Amino acid sequence: MAETIGGYLIRRLGEEGVGHVFGVPGDYCLTFFSLLEKSPLQVVNTCDEQGAGFAADAYARIKGLGVVALTYCVGGLKAANTIAQAYAERSPVILISGAPGAREQARNPLLHHRVRDFDTQLKVFRELTVATAVLDDASTAASEIDRVIALARRHSRPVYIELPRDMTLAEIAPAPVRSLPAETSDPEALAYAVAEAVDKIAASNHPVILAGEELHRFRLQDRLMALVENSGIPVAASIMGKSGFPESHPAYMGVYEGAMGREDLRDYVESSDCLILLGTMMTDVNLGIYTAHIDRRSAIYAGKDRVAIGLHAYDGVRMEDFITALSEGAWAQRAFPPFTHPVHPGPFEARDRKMTVDALFRQINAFLEQDMIVIADTGDALLGASDLFISDGAHFLASAYYTSLGFAVPASLGVKAAAPKLRPLVLVGDGAFQMTGLEISTAARFGMNPIVILLDNDGYGTERPMLDGGFNDIKRWNYAGLEQVIGGGLGIRVETEREMAAALARARANEAGWSLIQVTLDRDDKSPALRRLTAKLAERVGGKC
């Protein structure tokens, strides 16, 4: 029996390990949603398309592939920001957009949702993805589906599939899955690159590995571990790579982020005579808003798109092959150098003191457990979270390069769908929450139990030290009151450390639904990381920052 285009697409997603599709239905994709509903895949329809896109992004970071399904233009273009983030941060998301029927478009009518031309949305997503496909030909639809899925996995970046509504049930002939040609490194270039790197490391006095996010995206954590344990080279993480290496391991030094990080760690990393950057994207946030000092001449760099030893770039060398070769090498074992190792801070003694950002993160540190995953939104939630001790059983997710506000709450939906045993702990500012926070309604509908800790400092607190004004103010909501509005959850407002401790205990016990803790903070309070950064930037400009 012949398959339909929509049926083949759903089957292939299932074969790739996808179990959930996030989205918002619309008339151009209703038939596809009907097929999804009858399939083994679960539809998680969110409050808004941006929420669906962020949820699919987080799902992809955990499972290796995420899917968002939306209608034409009014849905797809609302999700464009989330697909841009997935591209920037290497998250393999498949966006499936319904579209006017192929036959409907023949006479160029002014159909609803159209912007300029029928391919306007397609042109937009060509700029935001590594591959696009329009499934308007039943004879090529299967091969096009296979092609874009394979490219999403190969590059760990998003792809776009447009499905005209009159093609969803079009029949296609059975065909074997077509694979992309295998990627391989140039053997000679790889051998030279590895030999030069080994010589450089062997000649150094205190090499350091800076582990980045691409190790997680391309599932290279085990090779990093082999390299560290074979060589005795200590490891620091970028903020985007946080938790990619076990933080309790004796080789782990902490998060390196220029002036935002600990001074002792910053000095150790920047004085290294051989800094080995593995999968680390050289973004301004990873580099502490360019307060980092890295000498390229003494560095080894391996990223998805480039391998370089000092100032020598090697063409035709894949990051995966380079790191694998280093991890399998015969190393003269070094002893891990002495330094202040990050340790779990232990219990927090709550008192009747007013809540501060510093106390908040110390309480969170004491609260974290093995089954929790920290999801930090952009702003001081992210900067403060960089100092958290993430245990080996936990994880850390953030939009730490594209830094779009509003990622964390919908991301908790994707995490919970991808890894049901993990308890999302969401850190979000009030400004970011007002953008996408109502996705806790989706959590309530699907019985998900994120713990949302909302830093309520009356506006865009991270921007105030840069340039303050009325534009940084927002309407102060009764966030805890959403318990009555949405239902299925728990809302608590706290002002003191003791109230916070009680709220965390109640949230931990609330396994059946969402919990939101509104933490009232002074508008000018800052995390230690943000204070370190602003102090350093102030030194540069010779004044207040």
Protein backbone atom coordinates (compact mmCIF):
# COMPACT_ATOMS: atom_id res chain seq x y z
CA MET A 1 0.00 0.00 0.00
CA ALA A 2 1.37 3.41 -1.00
CA GLU A 3 2.21 5.94 1.70
CA THR A 4 1.17 9.55 1.67
CA ILE A 5 3.68 12.38 1.87
CA GLY A 6 2.42 13.33 5.32
CA GLY A 7 2.51 9.71 6.47
CA TYR A 8 6.04 9.19 5.20
CA LEU A 9 7.24 12.36 6.95
CA ILE A 10 5.71 11.24 10.25
CA ARG A 11 7.16 7.73 9.92
CA ARG A 12 10.64 9.06 9.22
CA LEU A 13 10.48 11.39 12.21
CA GLY A 14 9.59 8.43 14.42
CA GLU A 15 12.46 6.40 12.98
CA GLU A 16 14.81 9.27 13.86
CA GLY A 17 13.78 9.05 17.52
CA VAL A 18 11.27 11.90 17.58
CA GLY A 19 8.36 11.23 19.93
CA HIS A 20 6.81 14.69 20.19
CA VAL A 21 5.88 17.50 17.80
CA PHE A 22 5.37 21.01 19.18
CA GLY A 23 3.16 23.45 17.38
CA VAL A 24 0.04 25.50 16.83
CA PRO A 25 -2.52 24.26 14.25
CA GLY A 26 -3.92 26.37 11.45
CA ASP A 27 -6.03 25.68 8.38
CA TYR A 28 -3.05 25.12 6.06
CA CYS A 29 -1.71 22.33 8.31
CA LEU A 30 -4.88 20.82 9.82
CA THR A 31 -4.70 17.67 7.70
CA PHE A 32 -1.11 17.11 8.80
CA PHE A 33 -2.08 17.65 12.45
CA SER A 34 -4.86 15.10 12.00
CA LEU A 35 -2.32 12.58 10.73
CA LEU A 36 -0.05 13.38 13.69
CA GLU A 37 -2.89 12.84 16.13
CA LYS A 38 -3.48 9.34 14.74
CA SER A 39 0.25 8.50 14.81
CA PRO A 40 2.51 7.34 17.67
CA LEU A 41 3.92 10.88 17.89
CA GLN A 42 2.39 13.13 20.56
CA VAL A 43 1.30 16.63 19.58
CA VAL A 44 2.12 19.27 22.19
CA ASN A 45 0.17 22.32 21.03
CA THR A 46 1.46 25.40 22.78
CA CYS A 47 -0.04 28.81 23.55
CA ASP A 48 2.04 30.53 20.88
CA GLU A 49 4.31 29.66 17.98
CA GLN A 50 7.38 31.13 19.65
CA GLY A 51 6.76 28.83 22.60
CA ALA A 52 6.55 25.87 20.23
CA GLY A 53 9.85 26.80 18.60
CA PHE A 54 11.73 27.20 21.86
CA ALA A 55 10.28 23.92 23.16
CA ALA A 56 11.41 22.10 20.01
CA ASP A 57 14.88 23.65 20.35
CA ALA A 58 15.26 22.36 23.92
CA TYR A 59 13.90 18.96 22.88
CA ALA A 60 16.52 18.81 20.13
CA ARG A 61 19.34 19.63 22.55
CA ILE A 62 18.31 16.66 24.70
CA LYS A 63 17.16 14.11 22.09
CA GLY A 64 19.22 15.08 19.05
CA LEU A 65 16.30 16.23 16.87
CA GLY A 66 13.27 18.44 17.55
CA VAL A 67 10.19 19.23 15.46
CA VAL A 68 7.83 22.19 15.31
CA ALA A 69 4.73 22.20 13.05
CA LEU A 70 2.91 25.43 12.20
CA THR A 71 0.71 27.07 9.63
CA TYR A 72 1.80 29.35 6.80
CA CYS A 73 3.36 32.78 7.50
CA VAL A 74 1.29 33.87 10.51
CA GLY A 75 2.64 30.78 12.27
CA GLY A 76 5.96 30.23 10.56
CA LEU A 77 7.13 33.83 10.72
CA LYS A 78 6.23 34.08 14.41
CA ALA A 79 8.61 31.17 14.99
CA ALA A 80 11.39 32.68 12.87
CA ASN A 81 13.14 34.06 15.96
CA THR A 82 13.34 30.60 17.52
CA ILE A 83 14.70 29.04 14.32
CA ALA A 84 17.30 31.82 14.14
CA GLN A 85 18.37 30.86 17.68
CA ALA A 86 18.54 27.18 16.71
CA TYR A 87 20.80 28.07 13.79
CA ALA A 88 23.05 30.34 15.87
CA GLU A 89 23.40 27.80 18.68
CA ARG A 90 23.52 24.62 16.56
CA SER A 91 20.25 22.97 17.54
CA PRO A 92 18.80 20.52 14.96
CA VAL A 93 15.17 21.62 14.73
CA ILE A 94 12.87 20.65 11.85
CA LEU A 95 10.26 23.31 11.08
CA ILE A 96 7.29 21.89 9.17
CA SER A 97 5.02 24.57 7.77
CA GLY A 98 1.71 24.05 6.08
CA ALA A 99 1.15 26.15 2.96
CA PRO A 100 -1.52 26.95 0.39
CA GLY A 101 -2.12 24.04 -1.95
CA ALA A 102 0.07 23.68 -5.02
CA ARG A 103 -3.01 23.87 -7.26
CA GLU A 104 -4.39 26.84 -5.30
CA GLN A 105 -1.29 28.86 -6.10
CA ALA A 106 -1.58 28.37 -9.87
CA ARG A 107 -3.52 31.56 -10.61
CA ASN A 108 -1.68 33.67 -8.03
CA PRO A 109 -4.71 34.48 -5.86
CA LEU A 110 -4.60 36.68 -2.76
CA LEU A 111 -5.06 33.87 -0.25
CA HIS A 112 -5.10 34.65 3.47
CA HIS A 113 -1.77 34.69 5.36
CA ARG A 114 0.12 35.54 2.18
CA VAL A 115 2.67 38.35 2.54
CA ARG A 116 4.17 39.24 -0.82
CA ASP A 117 4.73 36.17 -2.97
CA PHE A 118 3.87 32.58 -2.15
CA ASP A 119 7.56 31.83 -1.60
CA THR A 120 8.21 34.79 0.75
CA GLN A 121 8.29 32.58 3.85
CA LEU A 122 10.53 30.08 2.06
CA LYS A 123 13.01 32.86 1.23
CA VAL A 124 13.08 33.95 4.88
CA PHE A 125 13.89 30.45 6.12
CA ARG A 126 16.59 29.92 3.53
CA GLU A 127 18.54 32.50 5.55
CA LEU A 128 17.84 30.77 8.89
CA THR A 129 18.41 27.08 8.07
CA VAL A 130 20.95 24.77 6.44
CA ALA A 131 18.39 23.22 4.07
CA THR A 132 14.87 23.79 2.78
CA ALA A 133 12.41 21.56 0.92
CA VAL A 134 9.02 22.23 -0.64
CA LEU A 135 7.07 18.97 -0.89
CA ASP A 136 5.07 19.87 -4.00
CA ASP A 137 6.13 16.84 -6.07
CA ALA A 138 5.12 13.35 -4.97
CA SER A 139 7.93 11.79 -7.03
CA THR A 140 10.67 13.59 -5.07
CA ALA A 141 9.03 14.17 -1.67
CA ALA A 142 10.54 11.11 0.05
CA SER A 143 14.09 11.87 -1.05
CA GLU A 144 13.69 15.53 -0.08
CA ILE A 145 12.48 14.57 3.40
CA ASP A 146 15.43 12.23 3.86
CA ARG A 147 17.86 14.86 2.61
CA VAL A 148 16.85 17.64 4.99
CA ILE A 149 16.64 15.33 8.02
CA ALA A 150 20.15 14.08 7.29
CA LEU A 151 21.46 17.65 6.91
CA ALA A 152 19.88 18.71 10.20
CA ARG A 153 21.76 15.91 11.94
CA ARG A 154 25.03 16.44 10.08
CA HIS A 155 25.27 20.15 10.82
CA SER A 156 23.24 20.17 14.06
CA ARG A 157 21.26 23.09 12.68
CA PRO A 158 17.63 23.68 11.70
CA VAL A 159 15.94 22.80 8.42
CA TYR A 160 12.64 23.90 6.84
CA ILE A 161 9.99 21.72 5.23
CA GLU A 162 7.01 23.31 3.46
CA LEU A 163 4.01 21.05 2.93
CA PRO A 164 1.25 22.39 0.65
CA ARG A 165 -2.05 21.30 2.11
CA ASP A 166 -3.22 19.51 -1.03
CA MET A 167 -0.03 17.39 -1.03
CA THR A 168 -0.34 16.03 2.54
CA LEU A 169 -2.37 13.02 1.40
CA ALA A 170 -0.70 12.66 -2.02
CA GLU A 171 0.59 9.10 -2.47
CA ILE A 172 4.25 8.35 -3.00
CA ALA A 173 5.88 5.12 -4.14
CA PRO A 174 7.81 3.19 -1.44
CA ALA A 175 11.49 4.06 -1.51
CA PRO A 176 14.52 3.18 0.62
CA VAL A 177 15.89 5.88 2.92
CA ARG A 178 18.63 7.77 1.14
CA SER A 179 21.72 8.72 3.15
CA LEU A 180 24.13 11.56 2.51
CA PRO A 181 27.65 10.67 1.40
CA ALA A 182 29.86 10.12 4.45
CA GLU A 183 32.00 13.04 5.65
CA THR A 184 35.66 12.19 6.12
CA SER A 185 38.77 14.10 7.03
CA ASP A 186 41.70 14.37 4.67
CA PRO A 187 43.97 11.68 6.19
CA GLU A 188 47.22 13.54 5.60
CA ALA A 189 45.90 16.86 6.91
CA LEU A 190 44.42 15.12 9.96
CA ALA A 191 47.71 13.37 10.74
CA TYR A 192 49.69 16.62 10.48
CA ALA A 193 47.17 18.52 12.62
CA VAL A 194 47.17 15.87 15.35
CA ALA A 195 50.99 15.60 15.32
CA GLU A 196 51.42 19.36 15.65
CA ALA A 197 48.82 19.52 18.45
CA VAL A 198 50.46 16.66 20.36
CA ASP A 199 53.90 18.30 20.09
CA LYS A 200 52.49 21.64 21.24
CA ILE A 201 50.74 20.09 24.24
CA ALA A 202 53.78 18.00 25.21
CA ALA A 203 56.03 21.07 25.15
CA SER A 204 53.68 23.15 27.32
CA ASN A 205 53.99 23.64 31.07
CA HIS A 206 50.31 23.98 31.96
CA PRO A 207 47.87 23.22 29.17
CA VAL A 208 44.15 23.78 29.77
CA ILE A 209 41.13 22.50 27.86
CA LEU A 210 38.23 24.93 27.35
CA ALA A 211 35.22 22.72 26.60
CA GLY A 212 32.38 24.24 24.60
CA GLU A 213 28.85 23.60 23.48
CA GLU A 214 29.67 21.82 20.22
CA LEU A 215 30.95 18.83 22.20
CA HIS A 216 27.39 18.43 23.48
CA ARG A 217 25.73 19.12 20.13
CA PHE A 218 27.81 16.46 18.38
CA ARG A 219 27.80 14.01 21.30
CA LEU A 220 31.56 14.13 21.91
CA GLN A 221 31.52 14.23 25.72
CA ASP A 222 32.86 10.70 26.06
CA ARG A 223 35.85 11.56 23.85
CA LEU A 224 36.56 14.62 25.94
CA MET A 225 36.50 12.46 29.05
CA ALA A 226 38.93 9.98 27.46
CA LEU A 227 41.31 12.78 26.50
CA VAL A 228 41.23 14.30 29.98
CA GLU A 229 41.75 11.04 31.82
CA ASN A 230 44.50 9.88 29.43
CA SER A 231 46.41 13.16 29.53
CA GLY A 232 45.73 14.71 32.95
CA ILE A 233 44.90 18.07 31.35
CA PRO A 234 42.44 20.13 33.44
CA VAL A 235 39.15 21.38 32.00
CA ALA A 236 37.26 24.65 32.16
CA ALA A 237 33.91 25.11 30.43
CA SER A 238 32.46 27.97 28.46
CA ILE A 239 29.11 29.18 29.75
CA MET A 240 27.41 27.58 26.73
CA GLY A 241 29.30 24.36 27.41
CA LYS A 242 28.46 24.30 31.14
CA SER A 243 27.67 20.76 32.44
CA GLY A 244 29.10 19.12 29.30
CA PHE A 245 31.90 17.82 31.55
CA PRO A 246 31.12 16.47 35.05
CA GLU A 247 31.55 19.29 37.55
CA SER A 248 32.57 16.91 40.35
CA HIS A 249 35.47 15.48 38.32
CA PRO A 250 38.90 16.34 39.80
CA ALA A 251 39.96 17.82 36.45
CA TYR A 252 37.10 20.34 36.34
CA MET A 253 38.02 23.95 37.14
CA GLY A 254 34.78 25.87 36.57
CA VAL A 255 33.26 28.19 33.98
CA TYR A 256 35.65 30.49 32.15
CA GLU A 257 33.87 33.63 30.96
CA GLY A 258 36.38 36.44 31.06
CA ALA A 259 35.59 39.07 33.68
CA MET A 260 32.26 37.43 34.56
CA GLY A 261 34.06 34.38 36.00
CA ARG A 262 36.11 33.74 39.12
CA GLU A 263 39.36 35.67 39.15
CA ASP A 264 41.56 32.68 40.10
CA LEU A 265 40.15 30.61 37.24
CA ARG A 266 40.46 33.50 34.80
CA ASP A 267 44.12 33.99 35.71
CA TYR A 268 44.89 30.29 35.40
CA VAL A 269 43.25 29.92 31.97
CA GLU A 270 44.70 33.12 30.54
CA SER A 271 48.23 32.27 31.74
CA SER A 272 48.12 28.88 30.03
CA ASP A 273 50.87 28.34 27.49
CA CYS A 274 48.61 25.95 25.55
CA LEU A 275 44.89 26.64 25.65
CA ILE A 276 42.96 23.85 23.89
CA LEU A 277 39.57 25.12 22.76
CA LEU A 278 37.33 22.19 21.86
CA GLY A 279 33.90 22.92 20.39
CA THR A 280 33.92 26.42 21.86
CA MET A 281 32.15 29.09 19.84
CA MET A 282 34.11 32.34 20.19
CA THR A 283 31.07 34.47 21.00
CA ASP A 284 31.08 37.70 22.98
CA VAL A 285 29.15 36.07 25.83
CA ASN A 286 31.49 33.05 25.99
CA LEU A 287 34.34 35.56 26.12
CA GLY A 288 32.79 37.65 28.91
CA ILE A 289 31.72 40.46 26.58
CA TYR A 290 35.25 40.46 25.17
CA THR A 291 36.93 40.76 28.56
CA ALA A 292 38.72 37.45 27.88
CA HIS A 293 42.40 37.43 26.93
CA ILE A 294 43.29 34.51 24.67
CA ASP A 295 46.52 34.38 22.68
CA ARG A 296 45.75 32.59 19.42
CA ARG A 297 49.45 31.88 18.83
CA SER A 298 49.58 29.51 21.79
CA ALA A 299 46.09 28.06 21.32
CA ILE A 300 44.72 24.92 19.70
CA TYR A 301 41.22 25.34 18.28
CA ALA A 302 38.85 22.63 17.06
CA GLY A 303 35.34 23.63 16.05
CA LYS A 304 32.80 22.20 13.65
CA ASP A 305 33.87 24.53 10.87
CA ARG A 306 37.58 25.00 11.60
CA VAL A 307 40.66 23.33 13.10
CA ALA A 308 43.76 25.43 13.80
CA ILE A 309 47.03 25.00 15.70
CA GLY A 310 48.37 28.42 16.60
CA LEU A 311 48.08 30.41 13.39
CA HIS A 312 48.08 27.27 11.19
CA ALA A 313 44.60 26.42 9.84
CA TYR A 314 43.99 22.90 8.57
CA ASP A 315 41.50 22.43 5.75
CA GLY A 316 39.67 19.15 5.40
CA VAL A 317 39.93 18.16 9.09
CA ARG A 318 36.71 17.35 10.93
CA MET A 319 36.44 18.35 14.58
CA GLU A 320 35.07 14.89 15.46
CA ASP A 321 38.06 13.10 13.91
CA PHE A 322 40.59 15.50 15.44
CA ILE A 323 39.21 15.14 18.99
CA THR A 324 38.88 11.37 18.59
CA ALA A 325 42.51 11.09 17.53
CA LEU A 326 43.64 13.17 20.50
CA SER A 327 41.51 11.11 22.92
CA GLU A 328 43.02 7.86 21.65
CA GLY A 329 46.63 9.06 21.79
CA ALA A 330 49.32 7.74 24.12
CA TRP A 331 49.91 10.58 26.58
CA ALA A 332 52.50 11.05 29.27
CA GLN A 333 50.20 11.26 32.29
CA ARG A 334 50.21 14.60 34.10
CA ALA A 335 48.91 15.16 37.60
CA PHE A 336 45.94 17.51 37.70
CA PRO A 337 47.35 20.84 38.94
CA PRO A 338 46.32 22.27 42.30
CA PHE A 339 43.62 24.91 42.14
CA THR A 340 40.42 25.82 43.95
CA HIS A 341 38.06 23.16 42.69
CA PRO A 342 34.35 23.98 42.48
CA VAL A 343 32.53 22.05 45.17
CA HIS A 344 28.92 21.79 46.18
CA PRO A 345 28.38 24.61 48.70
CA GLY A 346 26.31 22.45 51.04
CA PRO A 347 23.19 23.51 52.92
CA PHE A 348 22.00 27.11 53.11
CA GLU A 349 20.94 28.54 56.46
CA ALA A 350 17.88 30.67 55.70
CA ARG A 351 17.15 33.60 57.97
CA ASP A 352 14.56 36.36 58.12
CA ARG A 353 16.67 38.55 55.85
CA LYS A 354 15.31 40.21 52.71
CA MET A 355 15.99 38.20 49.57
CA THR A 356 18.98 39.21 47.48
CA VAL A 357 20.21 37.83 44.16
CA ASP A 358 23.32 36.47 45.86
CA ALA A 359 21.28 34.64 48.52
CA LEU A 360 18.86 33.38 45.87
CA PHE A 361 21.56 31.59 43.90
CA ARG A 362 23.14 30.19 47.06
CA GLN A 363 19.75 28.77 48.05
CA ILE A 364 19.26 27.32 44.58
CA ASN A 365 22.71 25.72 44.78
CA ALA A 366 21.74 23.99 48.01
CA PHE A 367 18.35 22.98 46.55
CA LEU A 368 19.56 21.33 43.31
CA GLU A 369 19.25 17.55 43.14
CA GLN A 370 20.41 14.84 40.75
CA ASP A 371 17.10 14.68 38.87
CA MET A 372 16.98 18.41 38.06
CA ILE A 373 17.96 20.31 34.94
CA VAL A 374 18.65 24.03 35.18
CA ILE A 375 17.23 26.13 32.33
CA ALA A 376 18.37 29.75 32.51
CA ASP A 377 16.82 32.58 30.55
CA THR A 378 18.80 35.52 29.25
CA GLY A 379 19.79 38.20 31.73
CA ASP A 380 20.95 37.97 35.31
CA ALA A 381 19.22 34.58 35.51
CA LEU A 382 21.88 33.31 33.10
CA LEU A 383 24.81 35.20 34.60
CA GLY A 384 23.99 34.12 38.14
CA ALA A 385 23.45 30.54 37.02
CA SER A 386 26.99 30.36 35.66
CA ASP A 387 28.20 30.06 39.27
CA LEU A 388 25.86 27.17 40.13
CA PHE A 389 27.35 23.77 40.87
CA ILE A 390 25.62 21.41 38.42
CA SER A 391 26.00 17.84 39.69
CA ASP A 392 26.90 15.02 37.36
CA GLY A 393 23.34 13.80 37.13
CA ALA A 394 21.96 17.23 36.25
CA HIS A 395 22.19 19.41 33.18
CA PHE A 396 22.24 23.04 32.14
CA LEU A 397 20.49 24.70 29.19
CA ALA A 398 20.50 28.33 28.13
CA SER A 399 20.43 30.59 25.10
CA ALA A 400 23.86 31.97 25.90
CA TYR A 401 24.86 33.19 22.43
CA TYR A 402 21.72 34.29 20.59
CA THR A 403 20.40 35.37 24.03
CA SER A 404 16.75 35.68 23.14
CA LEU A 405 14.55 36.58 26.08
CA GLY A 406 11.75 34.10 26.71
CA PHE A 407 13.56 30.81 26.03
CA ALA A 408 13.46 29.15 29.43
CA VAL A 409 9.79 28.56 30.28
CA PRO A 410 8.84 26.98 26.92
CA ALA A 411 12.18 25.14 26.90
CA SER A 412 11.01 23.33 30.04
CA LEU A 413 8.21 21.78 27.96
CA GLY A 414 10.71 20.38 25.47
CA VAL A 415 12.97 19.07 28.22
CA LYS A 416 10.13 17.37 30.08
CA ALA A 417 8.89 15.72 26.87
CA ALA A 418 12.38 14.58 25.90
CA ALA A 419 13.45 13.39 29.37
CA PRO A 420 10.39 12.75 31.59
CA LYS A 421 12.53 11.78 34.59
CA LEU A 422 14.22 15.19 34.70
CA ARG A 423 12.64 18.01 36.74
CA PRO A 424 13.11 21.36 35.01
CA LEU A 425 14.27 24.19 37.27
CA VAL A 426 13.63 27.39 35.32
CA LEU A 427 15.41 30.64 36.17
CA VAL A 428 13.75 33.60 34.46
CA GLY A 429 13.52 37.35 34.88
CA ASP A 430 10.21 39.17 34.99
CA GLY A 431 10.78 40.78 31.59
CA ALA A 432 11.47 37.46 29.88
CA PHE A 433 8.55 35.81 31.66
CA GLN A 434 6.10 38.37 30.32
CA MET A 435 7.07 37.28 26.78
CA THR A 436 6.51 33.52 26.95
CA GLY A 437 5.77 32.65 30.57
CA LEU A 438 2.16 31.75 29.91
CA GLU A 439 3.44 28.50 28.42
CA ILE A 440 3.08 27.20 31.96
CA SER A 441 -0.52 26.75 30.79
CA THR A 442 0.81 24.14 28.35
CA ALA A 443 2.69 22.53 31.23
CA ALA A 444 -0.58 22.37 33.18
CA ARG A 445 -2.43 20.81 30.27
CA PHE A 446 0.13 18.06 29.74
CA GLY A 447 0.78 17.37 33.41
CA MET A 448 4.36 18.70 33.40
CA ASN A 449 5.98 19.88 36.62
CA PRO A 450 8.62 22.58 36.05
CA ILE A 451 9.72 24.68 38.99
CA VAL A 452 9.87 28.29 37.76
CA ILE A 453 11.90 30.72 39.87
CA LEU A 454 11.05 34.22 38.72
CA LEU A 455 13.49 37.04 39.52
CA ASP A 456 11.08 39.95 40.00
CA ASN A 457 13.21 43.10 39.98
CA ASP A 458 10.70 45.39 38.30
CA GLY A 459 12.01 45.41 34.75
CA TYR A 460 15.05 44.72 32.58
CA GLY A 461 17.59 44.61 35.40
CA THR A 462 20.55 43.48 33.29
CA GLU A 463 20.19 46.53 31.05
CA ARG A 464 20.03 49.08 33.86
CA PRO A 465 23.84 49.06 34.49
CA MET A 466 24.38 49.68 30.76
CA LEU A 467 21.96 52.58 30.26
CA ASP A 468 18.91 53.11 32.41
CA GLY A 469 15.66 54.83 31.60
CA GLY A 470 11.93 54.38 31.67
CA PHE A 471 12.28 52.00 28.74
CA ASN A 472 13.64 49.38 31.18
CA ASP A 473 10.47 49.45 33.28
CA ILE A 474 7.59 46.98 32.87
CA LYS A 475 4.18 46.51 34.52
CA ARG A 476 4.61 44.54 37.71
CA TRP A 477 2.33 41.50 37.62
CA ASN A 478 0.99 39.36 40.41
CA TYR A 479 2.89 36.39 38.97
CA ALA A 480 2.06 34.09 41.89
CA GLY A 481 -1.62 34.79 41.18
CA LEU A 482 -1.39 32.78 37.95
CA GLU A 483 -2.26 29.81 40.13
CA GLN A 484 -5.86 31.07 40.09
CA VAL A 485 -5.79 32.09 36.42
CA ILE A 486 -4.33 28.90 34.94
CA GLY A 487 -4.87 26.21 37.55
CA GLY A 488 -3.03 22.94 37.85
CA GLY A 489 -0.10 24.51 39.65
CA LEU A 490 1.28 26.36 42.62
CA GLY A 491 2.07 30.09 42.86
CA ILE A 492 4.10 31.53 45.76
CA ARG A 493 5.44 35.03 46.37
CA VAL A 494 8.48 35.38 48.64
CA GLU A 495 10.38 38.32 50.12
CA THR A 496 12.72 36.69 52.67
CA GLU A 497 15.22 33.83 52.75
CA ARG A 498 13.03 31.86 55.14
CA GLU A 499 10.00 32.25 52.87
CA MET A 500 12.15 31.13 49.94
CA ALA A 501 13.26 27.99 51.76
CA ALA A 502 9.64 27.09 52.52
CA ALA A 503 8.61 27.81 48.92
CA LEU A 504 11.34 25.58 47.51
CA ALA A 505 10.22 22.73 49.79
CA ARG A 506 6.60 23.13 48.66
CA ALA A 507 7.63 23.23 45.01
CA ARG A 508 9.77 20.10 45.37
CA ALA A 509 6.84 18.25 46.91
CA ASN A 510 4.47 19.40 44.15
CA GLU A 511 5.30 16.58 41.73
CA ALA A 512 1.95 16.67 39.92
CA GLY A 513 2.04 20.17 38.47
CA TRP A 514 3.95 23.36 37.80
CA SER A 515 5.28 25.61 40.55
CA LEU A 516 6.09 29.31 40.25
CA ILE A 517 8.06 31.14 42.94
CA GLN A 518 7.96 34.93 42.53
CA VAL A 519 11.10 36.27 44.25
CA THR A 520 10.80 39.97 45.03
CA LEU A 521 14.18 41.69 44.61
CA ASP A 522 15.48 45.25 44.70
CA ARG A 523 15.58 46.68 41.20
CA ASP A 524 19.31 47.50 41.43
CA ASP A 525 20.42 44.17 42.94
CA LYS A 526 22.78 42.08 40.79
CA SER A 527 24.33 38.63 40.77
CA PRO A 528 28.02 38.28 41.68
CA ALA A 529 28.75 37.50 38.01
CA LEU A 530 27.09 40.68 36.79
CA ARG A 531 28.88 42.71 39.47
CA ARG A 532 32.22 41.25 38.38
CA LEU A 533 31.49 42.11 34.75
CA THR A 534 30.31 45.66 35.37
CA ALA A 535 33.31 46.34 37.62
CA LYS A 536 35.69 45.16 34.90
CA LEU A 537 33.94 47.17 32.20
CA ALA A 538 34.00 50.22 34.47
CA GLU A 539 37.81 49.87 34.75
CA ARG A 540 38.02 50.03 30.96
CA VAL A 541 35.97 53.18 30.59
CA GLY A 542 37.34 54.77 33.75
CA GLY A 543 34.04 55.39 35.43
CA LYS A 544 30.76 53.89 36.55
CA CYS A 545 29.14 51.13 34.55
